[in-house]
Amino acid sequence: MITQDLNPIYLKLADKICDNILWSKYEVEGRIPSVRDFAADHEVNPNTVMRAFEWLQQKGIIYNKRGLGYYVSHNALDLIKTIRKEGFRKEILPNVFKQMEQLNISIEDIIKEYEIYKRK
């Protein structure tokens, strides 16, 4: 399957931060790397990282303590899950359903595959 990831870089970076929060690499109420450190680690422009941080801050996932840096919000886990569930429903599922129809894959086939996946 040929796919293109059309998301801007700042959203990909925001997604990495969210992944790190979900996997407890960045703890709730804990500090995340600075804009400069994150930019250096990911070899991107600090302005791009700043856009990612601003997006995360607008969503309430992180917040800024003036002079100290950015921290993970107390409800970040719930916010991330809510945002990702909505994206899954609106963006991923319609494509999955389309592929299922095109390839004649039944919901039963999907359930079987899911059961195999859960056993791993």
C-alpha atoms as a PDB file:
ATOM      1  CA  MET A   1       0.000   0.000   0.000  1.00  0.00           C
ATOM      2  CA  ILE A   2       1.285   3.437  -0.892  1.00  0.00           C
ATOM      3  CA  THR A   3       0.520   6.153   1.636  1.00  0.00           C
ATOM      4  CA  GLN A   4       1.667   9.694   2.144  1.00  0.00           C
ATOM      5  CA  ASP A   5       1.974  11.342   5.515  1.00  0.00           C
ATOM      6  CA  LEU A   6       0.663  14.811   4.869  1.00  0.00           C
ATOM      7  CA  ASN A   7       0.915  16.095   8.438  1.00  0.00           C
ATOM      8  CA  PRO A   8       3.200  19.083   8.933  1.00  0.00           C
ATOM      9  CA  ILE A   9       6.454  18.505  10.825  1.00  0.00           C
ATOM     10  CA  TYR A  10       5.269  20.397  13.904  1.00  0.00           C
ATOM     11  CA  LEU A  11       2.313  17.999  14.273  1.00  0.00           C
ATOM     12  CA  LYS A  12       4.625  15.002  13.904  1.00  0.00           C
ATOM     13  CA  LEU A  13       6.775  16.451  16.699  1.00  0.00           C
ATOM     14  CA  ALA A  14       3.693  17.073  18.849  1.00  0.00           C
ATOM     15  CA  ASP A  15       2.724  13.456  18.223  1.00  0.00           C
ATOM     16  CA  LYS A  16       6.159  12.286  19.434  1.00  0.00           C
ATOM     17  CA  ILE A  17       5.730  14.269  22.625  1.00  0.00           C
ATOM     18  CA  CYS A  18       2.274  12.744  23.108  1.00  0.00           C
ATOM     19  CA  ASP A  19       3.741   9.273  22.565  1.00  0.00           C
ATOM     20  CA  ASN A  20       6.376  10.003  25.206  1.00  0.00           C
ATOM     21  CA  ILE A  21       3.673  11.118  27.628  1.00  0.00           C
ATOM     22  CA  LEU A  22       1.570   8.011  26.976  1.00  0.00           C
ATOM     23  CA  TRP A  23       4.628   5.754  27.452  1.00  0.00           C
ATOM     24  CA  SER A  24       5.555   7.656  30.672  1.00  0.00           C
ATOM     25  CA  LYS A  25       8.848   8.930  29.297  1.00  0.00           C
ATOM     26  CA  TYR A  26       7.527  12.386  30.225  1.00  0.00           C
ATOM     27  CA  GLU A  27       5.667  12.172  33.512  1.00  0.00           C
ATOM     28  CA  VAL A  28       2.492  14.041  34.400  1.00  0.00           C
ATOM     29  CA  GLU A  29       3.457  17.366  35.990  1.00  0.00           C
ATOM     30  CA  GLY A  30       7.045  16.637  34.922  1.00  0.00           C
ATOM     31  CA  ARG A  31       9.237  18.846  32.773  1.00  0.00           C
ATOM     32  CA  ILE A  32       9.735  18.080  29.095  1.00  0.00           C
ATOM     33  CA  PRO A  33      12.909  18.951  27.150  1.00  0.00           C
ATOM     34  CA  SER A  34      13.451  22.581  26.233  1.00  0.00           C
ATOM     35  CA  VAL A  35      12.646  23.842  22.751  1.00  0.00           C
ATOM     36  CA  ARG A  36      16.358  23.989  21.915  1.00  0.00           C
ATOM     37  CA  ASP A  37      17.116  20.524  23.284  1.00  0.00           C
ATOM     38  CA  PHE A  38      14.153  18.958  21.518  1.00  0.00           C
ATOM     39  CA  ALA A  39      15.101  20.693  18.261  1.00  0.00           C
ATOM     40  CA  ALA A  40      18.684  19.475  18.519  1.00  0.00           C
ATOM     41  CA  ASP A  41      17.622  15.909  19.364  1.00  0.00           C
ATOM     42  CA  HIS A  42      15.285  15.765  16.356  1.00  0.00           C
ATOM     43  CA  GLU A  43      17.427  17.873  14.007  1.00  0.00           C
ATOM     44  CA  VAL A  44      14.717  20.421  13.293  1.00  0.00           C
ATOM     45  CA  ASN A  45      14.430  24.179  13.525  1.00  0.00           C
ATOM     46  CA  PRO A  46      13.570  25.483  17.028  1.00  0.00           C
ATOM     47  CA  ASN A  47      10.734  27.511  15.474  1.00  0.00           C
ATOM     48  CA  THR A  48       9.134  24.263  14.324  1.00  0.00           C
ATOM     49  CA  VAL A  49       9.430  22.827  17.831  1.00  0.00           C
ATOM     50  CA  MET A  50       7.949  26.035  19.214  1.00  0.00           C
ATOM     51  CA  ARG A  51       4.914  25.557  16.932  1.00  0.00           C
ATOM     52  CA  ALA A  52       4.524  22.005  18.259  1.00  0.00           C
ATOM     53  CA  PHE A  53       4.747  23.229  21.847  1.00  0.00           C
ATOM     54  CA  GLU A  54       2.224  25.994  21.147  1.00  0.00           C
ATOM     55  CA  TRP A  55      -0.190  23.469  19.608  1.00  0.00           C
ATOM     56  CA  LEU A  56       0.189  21.173  22.640  1.00  0.00           C
ATOM     57  CA  GLN A  57      -0.300  24.125  24.969  1.00  0.00           C
ATOM     58  CA  GLN A  58      -3.481  25.189  23.118  1.00  0.00           C
ATOM     59  CA  LYS A  59      -4.819  21.655  23.580  1.00  0.00           C
ATOM     60  CA  GLY A  60      -4.001  21.778  27.307  1.00  0.00           C
ATOM     61  CA  ILE A  61      -1.499  18.907  27.101  1.00  0.00           C
ATOM     62  CA  ILE A  62       1.482  20.961  28.290  1.00  0.00           C
ATOM     63  CA  TYR A  63       1.850  24.282  30.036  1.00  0.00           C
ATOM     64  CA  ASN A  64       4.631  26.813  30.456  1.00  0.00           C
ATOM     65  CA  LYS A  65       6.116  27.790  33.801  1.00  0.00           C
ATOM     66  CA  ARG A  66       7.738  31.110  33.042  1.00  0.00           C
ATOM     67  CA  GLY A  67      11.487  30.842  33.221  1.00  0.00           C
ATOM     68  CA  LEU A  68      11.385  27.116  34.042  1.00  0.00           C
ATOM     69  CA  GLY A  69      10.148  25.493  30.845  1.00  0.00           C
ATOM     70  CA  TYR A  70       7.263  23.347  29.701  1.00  0.00           C
ATOM     71  CA  TYR A  71       5.518  20.751  31.851  1.00  0.00           C
ATOM     72  CA  VAL A  72       3.017  17.961  31.225  1.00  0.00           C
ATOM     73  CA  SER A  73      -0.491  18.900  32.362  1.00  0.00           C
ATOM     74  CA  HIS A  74      -2.220  16.867  35.061  1.00  0.00           C
ATOM     75  CA  ASN A  75      -4.910  15.718  32.594  1.00  0.00           C
ATOM     76  CA  ALA A  76      -2.611  15.238  29.578  1.00  0.00           C
ATOM     77  CA  LEU A  77      -3.209  11.491  29.314  1.00  0.00           C
ATOM     78  CA  ASP A  78      -6.985  11.914  29.045  1.00  0.00           C
ATOM     79  CA  LEU A  79      -6.641  14.803  26.587  1.00  0.00           C
ATOM     80  CA  ILE A  80      -4.267  12.873  24.330  1.00  0.00           C
ATOM     81  CA  LYS A  81      -6.509   9.809  24.333  1.00  0.00           C
ATOM     82  CA  THR A  82      -9.576  11.928  23.527  1.00  0.00           C
ATOM     83  CA  ILE A  83      -7.811  13.693  20.646  1.00  0.00           C
ATOM     84  CA  ARG A  84      -6.421  10.444  19.253  1.00  0.00           C
ATOM     85  CA  LYS A  85      -9.746   8.585  19.543  1.00  0.00           C
ATOM     86  CA  GLU A  86     -11.456  11.358  17.600  1.00  0.00           C
ATOM     87  CA  GLY A  87      -8.740  11.271  14.931  1.00  0.00           C
ATOM     88  CA  PHE A  88      -9.020   7.489  14.752  1.00  0.00           C
ATOM     89  CA  ARG A  89     -12.788   7.667  14.244  1.00  0.00           C
ATOM     90  CA  LYS A  90     -12.712  10.460  11.675  1.00  0.00           C
ATOM     91  CA  GLU A  91      -9.504   9.727   9.742  1.00  0.00           C
ATOM     92  CA  ILE A  92      -8.396   6.128  10.122  1.00  0.00           C
ATOM     93  CA  LEU A  93     -11.619   4.122  10.376  1.00  0.00           C
ATOM     94  CA  PRO A  94     -13.162   5.470   7.149  1.00  0.00           C
ATOM     95  CA  ASN A  95     -10.011   4.403   5.280  1.00  0.00           C
ATOM     96  CA  VAL A  96     -10.035   0.989   6.959  1.00  0.00           C
ATOM     97  CA  PHE A  97     -13.683   0.488   6.034  1.00  0.00           C
ATOM     98  CA  LYS A  98     -12.986   1.532   2.441  1.00  0.00           C
ATOM     99  CA  GLN A  99     -10.101  -0.954   2.217  1.00  0.00           C
ATOM    100  CA  MET A 100     -12.263  -3.675   3.760  1.00  0.00           C
ATOM    101  CA  GLU A 101     -14.901  -3.130   1.088  1.00  0.00           C
ATOM    102  CA  GLN A 102     -12.406  -3.017  -1.768  1.00  0.00           C
ATOM    103  CA  LEU A 103     -10.643  -6.188  -0.614  1.00  0.00           C
ATOM    104  CA  ASN A 104     -13.742  -8.076   0.578  1.00  0.00           C
ATOM    105  CA  ILE A 105     -12.486  -8.320   4.150  1.00  0.00           C
ATOM    106  CA  SER A 106     -15.246  -9.087   6.631  1.00  0.00           C
ATOM    107  CA  ILE A 107     -15.551  -7.754  10.153  1.00  0.00           C
ATOM    108  CA  GLU A 108     -15.112 -11.366  11.295  1.00  0.00           C
ATOM    109  CA  ASP A 109     -11.707 -11.419   9.544  1.00  0.00           C
ATOM    110  CA  ILE A 110     -10.752  -8.269  11.421  1.00  0.00           C
ATOM    111  CA  ILE A 111     -11.895  -9.725  14.733  1.00  0.00           C
ATOM    112  CA  LYS A 112      -9.776 -12.843  14.140  1.00  0.00           C
ATOM    113  CA  GLU A 113      -6.729 -10.714  13.347  1.00  0.00           C
ATOM    114  CA  TYR A 114      -7.363  -8.594  16.444  1.00  0.00           C
ATOM    115  CA  GLU A 115      -7.536 -11.712  18.643  1.00  0.00           C
ATOM    116  CA  ILE A 116      -4.205 -12.886  17.210  1.00  0.00           C
ATOM    117  CA  TYR A 117      -2.727  -9.444  17.864  1.00  0.00           C
ATOM    118  CA  LYS A 118      -3.936  -9.421  21.486  1.00  0.00           C
ATOM    119  CA  ARG A 119      -2.255 -12.784  22.167  1.00  0.00           C
ATOM    120  CA  LYS A 120       1.172 -11.455  21.189  1.00  0.00           C
END
